[in-house]
C-alpha cells in the first residue's frame, strides 16, 4: 500500500497533474495515465504507464 503522504507529493510525469490511488495503480487525474505499483513502490515512468 502507498503511504498517503507520498501520494500527496506525487505528480504525473507526463502532464504534472495530481494523481490518486485506484485499483492498486497510481492514476493521473488529468490525462488518465495509470502507473504500476511494484513491491509497494510507485513506478512513475512514462514508458511504464498504461493509457
N, C-alpha and C. Protein backbone atom coordinates (compact mmCIF):
# COMPACT_ATOMS: atom_id res chain seq x y z
N UNK A 1 0.84 -1.19 0.00
CA UNK A 1 0.00 0.00 0.00
C UNK A 1 0.88 1.25 0.00
N UNK A 2 0.42 2.28 -0.66
CA UNK A 2 1.16 3.53 -0.76
C UNK A 2 0.79 4.45 0.41
N UNK A 3 1.80 5.05 1.01
CA UNK A 3 1.61 5.99 2.09
C UNK A 3 0.85 7.21 1.59
N UNK A 4 -0.13 7.67 2.36
CA UNK A 4 -0.96 8.81 1.94
C UNK A 4 -0.12 10.07 1.72
N UNK A 5 0.87 10.30 2.56
CA UNK A 5 1.72 11.47 2.41
C UNK A 5 2.53 11.41 1.12
N UNK A 6 3.00 10.22 0.75
CA UNK A 6 3.74 10.05 -0.51
C UNK A 6 2.81 10.34 -1.69
N UNK A 7 1.61 9.83 -1.63
CA UNK A 7 0.65 10.05 -2.71
C UNK A 7 0.36 11.54 -2.92
N UNK A 8 0.34 12.31 -1.83
CA UNK A 8 0.06 13.74 -1.93
C UNK A 8 1.16 14.52 -2.64
N UNK A 9 2.41 14.05 -2.58
CA UNK A 9 3.51 14.79 -3.22
C UNK A 9 3.82 14.31 -4.63
N UNK A 10 3.25 13.17 -5.02
CA UNK A 10 3.49 12.66 -6.37
C UNK A 10 2.70 13.45 -7.40
N UNK A 11 3.27 13.55 -8.60
CA UNK A 11 2.58 14.19 -9.73
C UNK A 11 2.85 13.35 -10.97
N UNK A 12 1.95 13.41 -11.91
CA UNK A 12 2.10 12.69 -13.17
C UNK A 12 3.33 13.23 -13.91
N UNK A 13 4.27 12.37 -14.29
CA UNK A 13 5.44 12.85 -15.02
C UNK A 13 5.11 13.32 -16.44
N UNK A 14 3.98 12.91 -16.98
CA UNK A 14 3.62 13.30 -18.34
C UNK A 14 3.01 14.71 -18.39
N UNK A 15 2.08 15.00 -17.46
CA UNK A 15 1.38 16.30 -17.54
C UNK A 15 1.47 17.12 -16.26
N UNK A 16 2.12 16.57 -15.24
CA UNK A 16 2.35 17.27 -13.95
C UNK A 16 1.10 17.46 -13.10
N UNK A 17 0.01 16.78 -13.43
CA UNK A 17 -1.23 16.90 -12.65
C UNK A 17 -1.16 16.00 -11.41
N UNK A 18 -2.12 16.18 -10.51
CA UNK A 18 -2.22 15.35 -9.32
C UNK A 18 -2.57 13.92 -9.70
N UNK A 19 -2.23 13.00 -8.81
CA UNK A 19 -2.54 11.59 -9.02
C UNK A 19 -3.33 11.06 -7.83
N UNK A 20 -4.00 9.93 -8.04
CA UNK A 20 -4.75 9.28 -6.97
C UNK A 20 -4.57 7.78 -7.09
N UNK A 21 -4.87 7.07 -6.01
CA UNK A 21 -4.74 5.62 -5.99
C UNK A 21 -6.06 4.99 -6.40
N UNK A 22 -6.03 4.16 -7.44
CA UNK A 22 -7.22 3.44 -7.91
C UNK A 22 -6.80 2.04 -8.33
N UNK A 23 -7.47 1.05 -7.80
CA UNK A 23 -7.25 -0.34 -8.22
C UNK A 23 -5.77 -0.72 -8.20
N UNK A 24 -5.08 -0.35 -7.10
CA UNK A 24 -3.66 -0.69 -6.93
C UNK A 24 -2.75 -0.08 -7.99
N UNK A 25 -3.17 1.04 -8.57
CA UNK A 25 -2.34 1.79 -9.52
C UNK A 25 -2.43 3.26 -9.18
N UNK A 26 -1.40 4.01 -9.58
CA UNK A 26 -1.40 5.46 -9.43
C UNK A 26 -2.00 6.02 -10.72
N UNK A 27 -3.09 6.76 -10.62
CA UNK A 27 -3.82 7.24 -11.79
C UNK A 27 -3.81 8.77 -11.82
N UNK A 28 -3.45 9.32 -12.98
CA UNK A 28 -3.43 10.78 -13.15
C UNK A 28 -4.86 11.29 -13.25
N UNK A 29 -5.13 12.39 -12.54
CA UNK A 29 -6.48 12.96 -12.54
C UNK A 29 -6.76 13.76 -13.80
N UNK A 30 -5.73 14.10 -14.59
CA UNK A 30 -5.92 14.90 -15.80
C UNK A 30 -5.84 14.05 -17.07
N UNK A 31 -4.70 13.39 -17.31
CA UNK A 31 -4.53 12.66 -18.57
C UNK A 31 -4.96 11.19 -18.48
N UNK A 32 -5.14 10.69 -17.26
CA UNK A 32 -5.65 9.33 -17.08
C UNK A 32 -4.62 8.22 -17.16
N UNK A 33 -3.33 8.56 -17.30
CA UNK A 33 -2.30 7.51 -17.35
C UNK A 33 -2.29 6.76 -16.02
N UNK A 34 -2.06 5.45 -16.11
CA UNK A 34 -2.03 4.59 -14.93
C UNK A 34 -0.62 4.04 -14.75
N UNK A 35 -0.04 4.31 -13.58
CA UNK A 35 1.32 3.89 -13.27
C UNK A 35 1.27 2.71 -12.30
N UNK A 36 2.05 1.66 -12.56
CA UNK A 36 2.01 0.47 -11.71
C UNK A 36 2.70 0.71 -10.36
N UNK A 37 2.34 -0.14 -9.40
CA UNK A 37 2.99 -0.16 -8.10
C UNK A 37 3.60 -1.55 -7.97
N UNK A 38 4.90 -1.63 -7.76
CA UNK A 38 5.59 -2.91 -7.62
C UNK A 38 6.29 -2.96 -6.27
N UNK A 39 5.96 -3.96 -5.48
CA UNK A 39 6.53 -4.13 -4.14
C UNK A 39 6.38 -2.87 -3.30
N UNK A 40 5.23 -2.20 -3.43
CA UNK A 40 4.96 -1.01 -2.65
C UNK A 40 5.61 0.25 -3.17
N UNK A 41 6.25 0.19 -4.33
CA UNK A 41 6.95 1.34 -4.91
C UNK A 41 6.25 1.78 -6.18
N UNK A 42 5.79 3.04 -6.25
CA UNK A 42 5.17 3.51 -7.49
C UNK A 42 6.21 3.68 -8.60
N UNK A 43 5.93 3.13 -9.76
CA UNK A 43 6.83 3.22 -10.91
C UNK A 43 6.32 4.37 -11.78
N UNK A 44 6.85 5.56 -11.52
CA UNK A 44 6.35 6.78 -12.17
C UNK A 44 7.17 7.09 -13.42
N UNK A 45 7.20 6.15 -14.35
CA UNK A 45 7.90 6.31 -15.62
C UNK A 45 6.87 6.33 -16.73
N UNK A 46 6.98 7.29 -17.64
CA UNK A 46 6.00 7.41 -18.73
C UNK A 46 5.98 6.13 -19.56
N UNK A 47 7.13 5.52 -19.78
CA UNK A 47 7.20 4.28 -20.57
C UNK A 47 6.49 3.11 -19.91
N UNK A 48 6.31 3.15 -18.59
CA UNK A 48 5.66 2.07 -17.86
C UNK A 48 4.15 2.29 -17.71
N UNK A 49 3.67 3.47 -18.08
CA UNK A 49 2.26 3.84 -17.86
C UNK A 49 1.33 3.15 -18.86
N UNK A 50 0.11 2.90 -18.40
CA UNK A 50 -0.96 2.43 -19.28
C UNK A 50 -1.82 3.64 -19.62
N UNK A 51 -2.33 3.65 -20.82
CA UNK A 51 -3.22 4.76 -21.23
C UNK A 51 -4.59 4.61 -20.62
